Amino acid sequence: MLVEDDPVIRKMVHRMLLNMNCEVTVTSNGREALDILQRTPVVEHDIDDKHEFLAQFDLVLMDLHMPVMDGTHAVWFLFPTPSRL
C-alpha cells in the first residue's frame, strides 16, 4: 500500500513499484489507509501443514505529513500499545 498526499510523488512511487512487479493499493491520507487496512481480511494459508495467517499487504509506505490523518497517527491507531488504550 502506498499512502501519499502529493499527486506527483504518489504517481512517481506508484510507477516505481509497478515496475518492480508490485501490486499497489494507493490512498492519499492516513484515514483512507486505515479504512482499507481495517476492512481487509487476514487470510489463512496452509503452508507445510501449518496454518498461517497472512495479511493482504506485505508493506505499507506512508508519508508522515498528510491532511485528514498523518502517517504518525495512522500507525498509532494500527499498533496501539496497552498504555494508549
PDB file of N, CA and C in Angstrom:
ATOM      1  N   MET A   1       0.843  -1.168   0.000  1.00  0.00           N
ATOM      2  CA  MET A   1       0.000   0.000   0.000  1.00  0.00           C
ATOM      3  C   MET A   1       0.892   1.236   0.000  1.00  0.00           C
ATOM      4  N   LEU A   2       0.495   2.201  -0.814  1.00  0.00           N
ATOM      5  CA  LEU A   2       1.180   3.482  -0.877  1.00  0.00           C
ATOM      6  C   LEU A   2       0.226   4.554  -0.369  1.00  0.00           C
ATOM      7  N   VAL A   3       0.662   5.313   0.629  1.00  0.00           N
ATOM      8  CA  VAL A   3      -0.155   6.371   1.213  1.00  0.00           C
ATOM      9  C   VAL A   3       0.624   7.679   1.069  1.00  0.00           C
ATOM     10  N   GLU A   4       0.169   8.518   0.143  1.00  0.00           N
ATOM     11  CA  GLU A   4       0.890   9.756  -0.173  1.00  0.00           C
ATOM     12  C   GLU A   4      -0.103  10.801  -0.662  1.00  0.00           C
ATOM     13  N   ASP A   5      -0.046  12.001  -0.083  1.00  0.00           N
ATOM     14  CA  ASP A   5      -0.988  13.048  -0.480  1.00  0.00           C
ATOM     15  C   ASP A   5      -0.538  13.848  -1.697  1.00  0.00           C
ATOM     16  N   ASP A   6       0.740  13.950  -1.941  1.00  0.00           N
ATOM     17  CA  ASP A   6       1.244  14.721  -3.082  1.00  0.00           C
ATOM     18  C   ASP A   6       1.056  13.906  -4.368  1.00  0.00           C
ATOM     19  N   PRO A   7       0.256  14.401  -5.321  1.00  0.00           N
ATOM     20  CA  PRO A   7      -0.043  13.607  -6.516  1.00  0.00           C
ATOM     21  C   PRO A   7       1.177  13.288  -7.379  1.00  0.00           C
ATOM     22  N   VAL A   8       2.157  14.185  -7.421  1.00  0.00           N
ATOM     23  CA  VAL A   8       3.356  13.933  -8.232  1.00  0.00           C
ATOM     24  C   VAL A   8       4.180  12.807  -7.611  1.00  0.00           C
ATOM     25  N   ILE A   9       4.426  12.900  -6.320  1.00  0.00           N
ATOM     26  CA  ILE A   9       5.191  11.857  -5.631  1.00  0.00           C
ATOM     27  C   ILE A   9       4.429  10.540  -5.669  1.00  0.00           C
ATOM     28  N   ARG A  10       3.116  10.604  -5.445  1.00  0.00           N
ATOM     29  CA  ARG A  10       2.285   9.394  -5.473  1.00  0.00           C
ATOM     30  C   ARG A  10       2.408   8.683  -6.820  1.00  0.00           C
ATOM     31  N   LYS A  11       2.317   9.433  -7.903  1.00  0.00           N
ATOM     32  CA  LYS A  11       2.411   8.843  -9.248  1.00  0.00           C
ATOM     33  C   LYS A  11       3.797   8.254  -9.500  1.00  0.00           C
ATOM     34  N   MET A  12       4.849   8.978  -9.078  1.00  0.00           N
ATOM     35  CA  MET A  12       6.216   8.512  -9.295  1.00  0.00           C
ATOM     36  C   MET A  12       6.489   7.213  -8.528  1.00  0.00           C
ATOM     37  N   VAL A  13       6.131   7.189  -7.251  1.00  0.00           N
ATOM     38  CA  VAL A  13       6.375   5.984  -6.441  1.00  0.00           C
ATOM     39  C   VAL A  13       5.499   4.829  -6.929  1.00  0.00           C
ATOM     40  N   HIS A  14       4.281   5.131  -7.307  1.00  0.00           N
ATOM     41  CA  HIS A  14       3.388   4.093  -7.831  1.00  0.00           C
ATOM     42  C   HIS A  14       4.008   3.432  -9.063  1.00  0.00           C
ATOM     43  N   ARG A  15       4.511   4.241  -9.983  1.00  0.00           N
ATOM     44  CA  ARG A  15       5.164   3.685 -11.186  1.00  0.00           C
ATOM     45  C   ARG A  15       6.393   2.854 -10.837  1.00  0.00           C
ATOM     46  N   MET A  16       7.180   3.345  -9.878  1.00  0.00           N
ATOM     47  CA  MET A  16       8.371   2.588  -9.466  1.00  0.00           C
ATOM     48  C   MET A  16       7.981   1.224  -8.922  1.00  0.00           C
ATOM     49  N   LEU A  17       6.947   1.186  -8.090  1.00  0.00           N
ATOM     50  CA  LEU A  17       6.503  -0.087  -7.517  1.00  0.00           C
ATOM     51  C   LEU A  17       5.933  -1.011  -8.584  1.00  0.00           C
ATOM     52  N   LEU A  18       5.183  -0.464  -9.527  1.00  0.00           N
ATOM     53  CA  LEU A  18       4.654  -1.287 -10.619  1.00  0.00           C
ATOM     54  C   LEU A  18       5.778  -1.856 -11.465  1.00  0.00           C
ATOM     55  N   ASN A  19       6.830  -1.063 -11.692  1.00  0.00           N
ATOM     56  CA  ASN A  19       7.989  -1.546 -12.460  1.00  0.00           C
ATOM     57  C   ASN A  19       8.716  -2.678 -11.746  1.00  0.00           C
ATOM     58  N   MET A  20       8.533  -2.779 -10.437  1.00  0.00           N
ATOM     59  CA  MET A  20       9.122  -3.873  -9.666  1.00  0.00           C
ATOM     60  C   MET A  20       8.127  -5.024  -9.496  1.00  0.00           C
ATOM     61  N   ASN A  21       7.066  -5.002 -10.309  1.00  0.00           N
ATOM     62  CA  ASN A  21       6.022  -6.039 -10.308  1.00  0.00           C
ATOM     63  C   ASN A  21       5.269  -6.147  -8.988  1.00  0.00           C
ATOM     64  N   CYS A  22       5.103  -5.020  -8.313  1.00  0.00           N
ATOM     65  CA  CYS A  22       4.321  -4.992  -7.079  1.00  0.00           C
ATOM     66  C   CYS A  22       2.863  -4.708  -7.409  1.00  0.00           C
ATOM     67  N   GLU A  23       1.978  -5.307  -6.647  1.00  0.00           N
ATOM     68  CA  GLU A  23       0.571  -4.927  -6.692  1.00  0.00           C
ATOM     69  C   GLU A  23       0.415  -3.796  -5.686  1.00  0.00           C
ATOM     70  N   VAL A  24      -0.170  -2.682  -6.108  1.00  0.00           N
ATOM     71  CA  VAL A  24      -0.188  -1.496  -5.263  1.00  0.00           C
ATOM     72  C   VAL A  24      -1.608  -0.984  -5.070  1.00  0.00           C
ATOM     73  N   THR A  25      -1.967  -0.752  -3.822  1.00  0.00           N
ATOM     74  CA  THR A  25      -3.181  -0.034  -3.477  1.00  0.00           C
ATOM     75  C   THR A  25      -2.734   1.362  -3.071  1.00  0.00           C
ATOM     76  N   VAL A  26      -3.351   2.386  -3.660  1.00  0.00           N
ATOM     77  CA  VAL A  26      -2.918   3.764  -3.437  1.00  0.00           C
ATOM     78  C   VAL A  26      -4.014   4.550  -2.721  1.00  0.00           C
ATOM     79  N   THR A  27      -3.614   5.282  -1.684  1.00  0.00           N
ATOM     80  CA  THR A  27      -4.520   6.190  -0.989  1.00  0.00           C
ATOM     81  C   THR A  27      -3.804   7.517  -0.765  1.00  0.00           C
ATOM     82  N   SER A  28      -4.572   8.534  -0.392  1.00  0.00           N
ATOM     83  CA  SER A  28      -3.966   9.857  -0.267  1.00  0.00           C
ATOM     84  C   SER A  28      -3.891  10.385   1.163  1.00  0.00           C
ATOM     85  N   ASN A  29      -4.355   9.609   2.145  1.00  0.00           N
ATOM     86  CA  ASN A  29      -4.196  10.047   3.537  1.00  0.00           C
ATOM     87  C   ASN A  29      -4.309   8.848   4.480  1.00  0.00           C
ATOM     88  N   GLY A  30      -3.914   9.068   5.706  1.00  0.00           N
ATOM     89  CA  GLY A  30      -3.891   8.003   6.700  1.00  0.00           C
ATOM     90  C   GLY A  30      -5.260   7.445   7.036  1.00  0.00           C
ATOM     91  N   ARG A  31      -6.295   8.280   7.016  1.00  0.00           N
ATOM     92  CA  ARG A  31      -7.656   7.801   7.321  1.00  0.00           C
ATOM     93  C   ARG A  31      -8.121   6.796   6.272  1.00  0.00           C
ATOM     94  N   GLU A  32      -7.884   7.100   4.988  1.00  0.00           N
ATOM     95  CA  GLU A  32      -8.236   6.167   3.914  1.00  0.00           C
ATOM     96  C   GLU A  32      -7.467   4.857   4.073  1.00  0.00           C
ATOM     97  N   ALA A  33      -6.188   4.968   4.400  1.00  0.00           N
ATOM     98  CA  ALA A  33      -5.363   3.770   4.589  1.00  0.00           C
ATOM     99  C   ALA A  33      -5.894   2.912   5.730  1.00  0.00           C
ATOM    100  N   LEU A  34      -6.223   3.547   6.849  1.00  0.00           N
ATOM    101  CA  LEU A  34      -6.776   2.801   7.982  1.00  0.00           C
ATOM    102  C   LEU A  34      -8.080   2.113   7.613  1.00  0.00           C
ATOM    103  N   ASP A  35      -8.954   2.827   6.898  1.00  0.00           N
ATOM    104  CA  ASP A  35     -10.224   2.230   6.482  1.00  0.00           C
ATOM    105  C   ASP A  35      -9.996   0.977   5.647  1.00  0.00           C
ATOM    106  N   ILE A  36      -9.069   1.051   4.707  1.00  0.00           N
ATOM    107  CA  ILE A  36      -8.771  -0.106   3.852  1.00  0.00           C
ATOM    108  C   ILE A  36      -8.153  -1.232   4.665  1.00  0.00           C
ATOM    109  N   LEU A  37      -7.164  -0.902   5.486  1.00  0.00           N
ATOM    110  CA  LEU A  37      -6.487  -1.930   6.280  1.00  0.00           C
ATOM    111  C   LEU A  37      -7.433  -2.609   7.264  1.00  0.00           C
ATOM    112  N   GLN A  38      -8.351  -1.849   7.840  1.00  0.00           N
ATOM    113  CA  GLN A  38      -9.255  -2.427   8.834  1.00  0.00           C
ATOM    114  C   GLN A  38     -10.326  -3.305   8.198  1.00  0.00           C
ATOM    115  N   ARG A  39     -10.659  -3.075   6.943  1.00  0.00           N
ATOM    116  CA  ARG A  39     -11.678  -3.915   6.312  1.00  0.00           C
ATOM    117  C   ARG A  39     -11.080  -5.004   5.409  1.00  0.00           C
ATOM    118  N   THR A  40      -9.750  -5.056   5.333  1.00  0.00           N
ATOM    119  CA  THR A  40      -9.087  -6.091   4.550  1.00  0.00           C
ATOM    120  C   THR A  40      -8.888  -7.322   5.427  1.00  0.00           C
ATOM    121  N   PRO A  41      -9.455  -8.450   5.030  1.00  0.00           N
ATOM    122  CA  PRO A  41      -9.340  -9.636   5.877  1.00  0.00           C
ATOM    123  C   PRO A  41      -7.930 -10.211   5.891  1.00  0.00           C
ATOM    124  N   VAL A  42      -7.615 -10.815   6.991  1.00  0.00           N
ATOM    125  CA  VAL A  42      -6.391 -11.597   7.098  1.00  0.00           C
ATOM    126  C   VAL A  42      -6.772 -12.999   6.674  1.00  0.00           C
ATOM    127  N   VAL A  43      -6.009 -13.580   5.760  1.00  0.00           N
ATOM    128  CA  VAL A  43      -6.383 -14.876   5.208  1.00  0.00           C
ATOM    129  C   VAL A  43      -5.529 -15.987   5.800  1.00  0.00           C
ATOM    130  N   GLU A  44      -6.123 -17.160   5.891  1.00  0.00           N
ATOM    131  CA  GLU A  44      -5.435 -18.331   6.424  1.00  0.00           C
ATOM    132  C   GLU A  44      -4.874 -19.145   5.265  1.00  0.00           C
ATOM    133  N   HIS A  45      -3.621 -19.524   5.376  1.00  0.00           N
ATOM    134  CA  HIS A  45      -2.962 -20.339   4.368  1.00  0.00           C
ATOM    135  C   HIS A  45      -2.407 -21.598   5.026  1.00  0.00           C
ATOM    136  N   ASP A  46      -2.489 -22.702   4.324  1.00  0.00           N
ATOM    137  CA  ASP A  46      -1.843 -23.929   4.778  1.00  0.00           C
ATOM    138  C   ASP A  46      -0.480 -24.013   4.113  1.00  0.00           C
ATOM    139  N   ILE A  47       0.566 -23.873   4.895  1.00  0.00           N
ATOM    140  CA  ILE A  47       1.926 -23.947   4.386  1.00  0.00           C
ATOM    141  C   ILE A  47       2.643 -25.037   5.161  1.00  0.00           C
ATOM    142  N   ASP A  48       3.033 -26.090   4.453  1.00  0.00           N
ATOM    143  CA  ASP A  48       3.723 -27.222   5.091  1.00  0.00           C
ATOM    144  C   ASP A  48       2.936 -27.758   6.278  1.00  0.00           C
ATOM    145  N   ASP A  49       1.641 -27.978   6.084  1.00  0.00           N
ATOM    146  CA  ASP A  49       0.739 -28.499   7.116  1.00  0.00           C
ATOM    147  C   ASP A  49       0.641 -27.596   8.348  1.00  0.00           C
ATOM    148  N   LYS A  50       1.013 -26.349   8.205  1.00  0.00           N
ATOM    149  CA  LYS A  50       0.878 -25.391   9.298  1.00  0.00           C
ATOM    150  C   LYS A  50      -0.119 -24.332   8.850  1.00  0.00           C
ATOM    151  N   HIS A  51      -0.962 -23.913   9.749  1.00  0.00           N
ATOM    152  CA  HIS A  51      -1.900 -22.842   9.444  1.00  0.00           C
ATOM    153  C   HIS A  51      -1.231 -21.510   9.769  1.00  0.00           C
ATOM    154  N   GLU A  52      -1.121 -20.667   8.765  1.00  0.00           N
ATOM    155  CA  GLU A  52      -0.544 -19.344   8.970  1.00  0.00           C
ATOM    156  C   GLU A  52      -1.551 -18.298   8.543  1.00  0.00           C
ATOM    157  N   PHE A  53      -1.577 -17.206   9.258  1.00  0.00           N
ATOM    158  CA  PHE A  53      -2.464 -16.105   8.924  1.00  0.00           C
ATOM    159  C   PHE A  53      -1.625 -14.986   8.312  1.00  0.00           C
ATOM    160  N   LEU A  54      -1.938 -14.651   7.083  1.00  0.00           N
ATOM    161  CA  LEU A  54      -1.147 -13.672   6.363  1.00  0.00           C
ATOM    162  C   LEU A  54      -1.999 -12.453   6.010  1.00  0.00           C
ATOM    163  N   ALA A  55      -1.458 -11.282   6.259  1.00  0.00           N
ATOM    164  CA  ALA A  55      -2.149 -10.052   5.892  1.00  0.00           C
ATOM    165  C   ALA A  55      -2.101  -9.885   4.385  1.00  0.00           C
ATOM    166  N   GLN A  56      -3.062  -9.156   3.855  1.00  0.00           N
ATOM    167  CA  GLN A  56      -3.120  -8.928   2.418  1.00  0.00           C
ATOM    168  C   GLN A  56      -2.079  -7.920   1.944  1.00  0.00           C
ATOM    169  N   PHE A  57      -1.488  -7.156   2.855  1.00  0.00           N
ATOM    170  CA  PHE A  57      -0.471  -6.179   2.488  1.00  0.00           C
ATOM    171  C   PHE A  57       0.848  -6.591   3.125  1.00  0.00           C
ATOM    172  N   ASP A  58       1.875  -6.711   2.298  1.00  0.00           N
ATOM    173  CA  ASP A  58       3.202  -7.043   2.814  1.00  0.00           C
ATOM    174  C   ASP A  58       3.944  -5.802   3.298  1.00  0.00           C
ATOM    175  N   LEU A  59       3.559  -4.652   2.756  1.00  0.00           N
ATOM    176  CA  LEU A  59       4.286  -3.422   3.053  1.00  0.00           C
ATOM    177  C   LEU A  59       3.342  -2.235   2.940  1.00  0.00           C
ATOM    178  N   VAL A  60       3.499  -1.273   3.828  1.00  0.00           N
ATOM    179  CA  VAL A  60       2.764  -0.006   3.737  1.00  0.00           C
ATOM    180  C   VAL A  60       3.803   1.109   3.736  1.00  0.00           C
ATOM    181  N   LEU A  61       3.852   1.849   2.635  1.00  0.00           N
ATOM    182  CA  LEU A  61       4.717   3.023   2.528  1.00  0.00           C
ATOM    183  C   LEU A  61       3.834   4.231   2.797  1.00  0.00           C
ATOM    184  N   MET A  62       4.123   4.963   3.889  1.00  0.00           N
ATOM    185  CA  MET A  62       3.221   6.029   4.298  1.00  0.00           C
ATOM    186  C   MET A  62       3.988   7.321   4.568  1.00  0.00           C
ATOM    187  N   ASP A  63       3.491   8.390   3.970  1.00  0.00           N
ATOM    188  CA  ASP A  63       4.019   9.726   4.214  1.00  0.00           C
ATOM    189  C   ASP A  63       3.727  10.106   5.670  1.00  0.00           C
ATOM    190  N   LEU A  64       4.574  10.939   6.239  1.00  0.00           N
ATOM    191  CA  LEU A  64       4.340  11.376   7.612  1.00  0.00           C
ATOM    192  C   LEU A  64       3.370  12.545   7.698  1.00  0.00           C
ATOM    193  N   HIS A  65       3.474  13.496   6.789  1.00  0.00           N
ATOM    194  CA  HIS A  65       2.695  14.728   6.860  1.00  0.00           C
ATOM    195  C   HIS A  65       1.643  14.736   5.761  1.00  0.00           C
ATOM    196  N   MET A  66       0.373  14.501   6.156  1.00  0.00           N
ATOM    197  CA  MET A  66      -0.737  14.461   5.205  1.00  0.00           C
ATOM    198  C   MET A  66      -1.961  15.099   5.836  1.00  0.00           C
ATOM    199  N   PRO A  67      -2.884  15.567   4.999  1.00  0.00           N
ATOM    200  CA  PRO A  67      -4.140  16.084   5.547  1.00  0.00           C
ATOM    201  C   PRO A  67      -5.016  14.938   6.063  1.00  0.00           C
ATOM    202  N   VAL A  68      -6.042  15.257   6.759  1.00  0.00           N
ATOM    203  CA  VAL A  68      -7.020  14.335   7.334  1.00  0.00           C
ATOM    204  C   VAL A  68      -6.399  13.541   8.477  1.00  0.00           C
ATOM    205  N   MET A  69      -5.420  12.683   8.184  1.00  0.00           N
ATOM    206  CA  MET A  69      -4.694  11.945   9.224  1.00  0.00           C
ATOM    207  C   MET A  69      -3.282  11.682   8.712  1.00  0.00           C
ATOM    208  N   ASP A  70      -2.296  12.115   9.478  1.00  0.00           N
ATOM    209  CA  ASP A  70      -0.916  11.904   9.035  1.00  0.00           C
ATOM    210  C   ASP A  70      -0.450  10.491   9.353  1.00  0.00           C
ATOM    211  N   GLY A  71       0.708  10.144   8.824  1.00  0.00           N
ATOM    212  CA  GLY A  71       1.236   8.798   8.977  1.00  0.00           C
ATOM    213  C   GLY A  71       1.488   8.389  10.411  1.00  0.00           C
ATOM    214  N   THR A  72       1.948   9.324  11.222  1.00  0.00           N
ATOM    215  CA  THR A  72       2.227   9.012  12.624  1.00  0.00           C
ATOM    216  C   THR A  72       0.959   8.591  13.362  1.00  0.00           C
ATOM    217  N   HIS A  73      -0.128   9.317  13.165  1.00  0.00           N
ATOM    218  CA  HIS A  73      -1.374   8.970  13.842  1.00  0.00           C
ATOM    219  C   HIS A  73      -1.975   7.677  13.290  1.00  0.00           C
ATOM    220  N   ALA A  74      -1.832   7.455  11.991  1.00  0.00           N
ATOM    221  CA  ALA A  74      -2.352   6.216  11.403  1.00  0.00           C
ATOM    222  C   ALA A  74      -1.646   5.003  12.001  1.00  0.00           C
ATOM    223  N   VAL A  75      -0.330   5.078  12.131  1.00  0.00           N
ATOM    224  CA  VAL A  75       0.427   3.965  12.726  1.00  0.00           C
ATOM    225  C   VAL A  75       0.039   3.800  14.191  1.00  0.00           C
ATOM    226  N   TRP A  76      -0.200   4.896  14.878  1.00  0.00           N
ATOM    227  CA  TRP A  76      -0.619   4.847  16.278  1.00  0.00           C
ATOM    228  C   TRP A  76      -1.923   4.063  16.417  1.00  0.00           C
ATOM    229  N   PHE A  77      -2.858   4.253  15.486  1.00  0.00           N
ATOM    230  CA  PHE A  77      -4.119   3.520  15.519  1.00  0.00           C
ATOM    231  C   PHE A  77      -3.952   2.065  15.077  1.00  0.00           C
ATOM    232  N   LEU A  78      -2.996   1.806  14.189  1.00  0.00           N
ATOM    233  CA  LEU A  78      -2.766   0.427  13.727  1.00  0.00           C
ATOM    234  C   LEU A  78      -2.131  -0.441  14.793  1.00  0.00           C
ATOM    235  N   PHE A  79      -1.217   0.124  15.548  1.00  0.00           N
ATOM    236  CA  PHE A  79      -0.456  -0.641  16.537  1.00  0.00           C
ATOM    237  C   PHE A  79      -0.561   0.000  17.910  1.00  0.00           C
ATOM    238  N   PRO A  80      -1.746  -0.040  18.519  1.00  0.00           N
ATOM    239  CA  PRO A  80      -1.876   0.583  19.842  1.00  0.00           C
ATOM    240  C   PRO A  80      -1.111  -0.215  20.904  1.00  0.00           C
ATOM    241  N   THR A  81      -0.532   0.493  21.815  1.00  0.00           N
ATOM    242  CA  THR A  81       0.124  -0.164  22.938  1.00  0.00           C
ATOM    243  C   THR A  81      -0.842  -0.145  24.112  1.00  0.00           C
ATOM    244  N   PRO A  82      -0.678  -1.013  25.092  1.00  0.00           N
ATOM    245  CA  PRO A  82      -1.610  -1.036  26.230  1.00  0.00           C
ATOM    246  C   PRO A  82      -1.737   0.318  26.924  1.00  0.00           C
ATOM    247  N   SER A  83      -0.693   1.112  26.951  1.00  0.00           N
ATOM    248  CA  SER A  83      -0.746   2.411  27.634  1.00  0.00           C
ATOM    249  C   SER A  83      -1.614   3.411  26.873  1.00  0.00           C
ATOM    250  N   ARG A  84      -1.866   3.157  25.574  1.00  0.00           N
ATOM    251  CA  ARG A  84      -2.689   4.064  24.773  1.00  0.00           C
ATOM    252  C   ARG A  84      -4.158   3.657  24.762  1.00  0.00           C
ATOM    253  N   LEU A  85      -4.506   2.480  25.260  1.00  0.00           N
ATOM    254  CA  LEU A  85      -5.892   2.014  25.196  1.00  0.00           C
ATOM    255  C   LEU A  85      -6.750   2.622  26.264  1.00  0.00           C
TER     256      LEU A  85
END
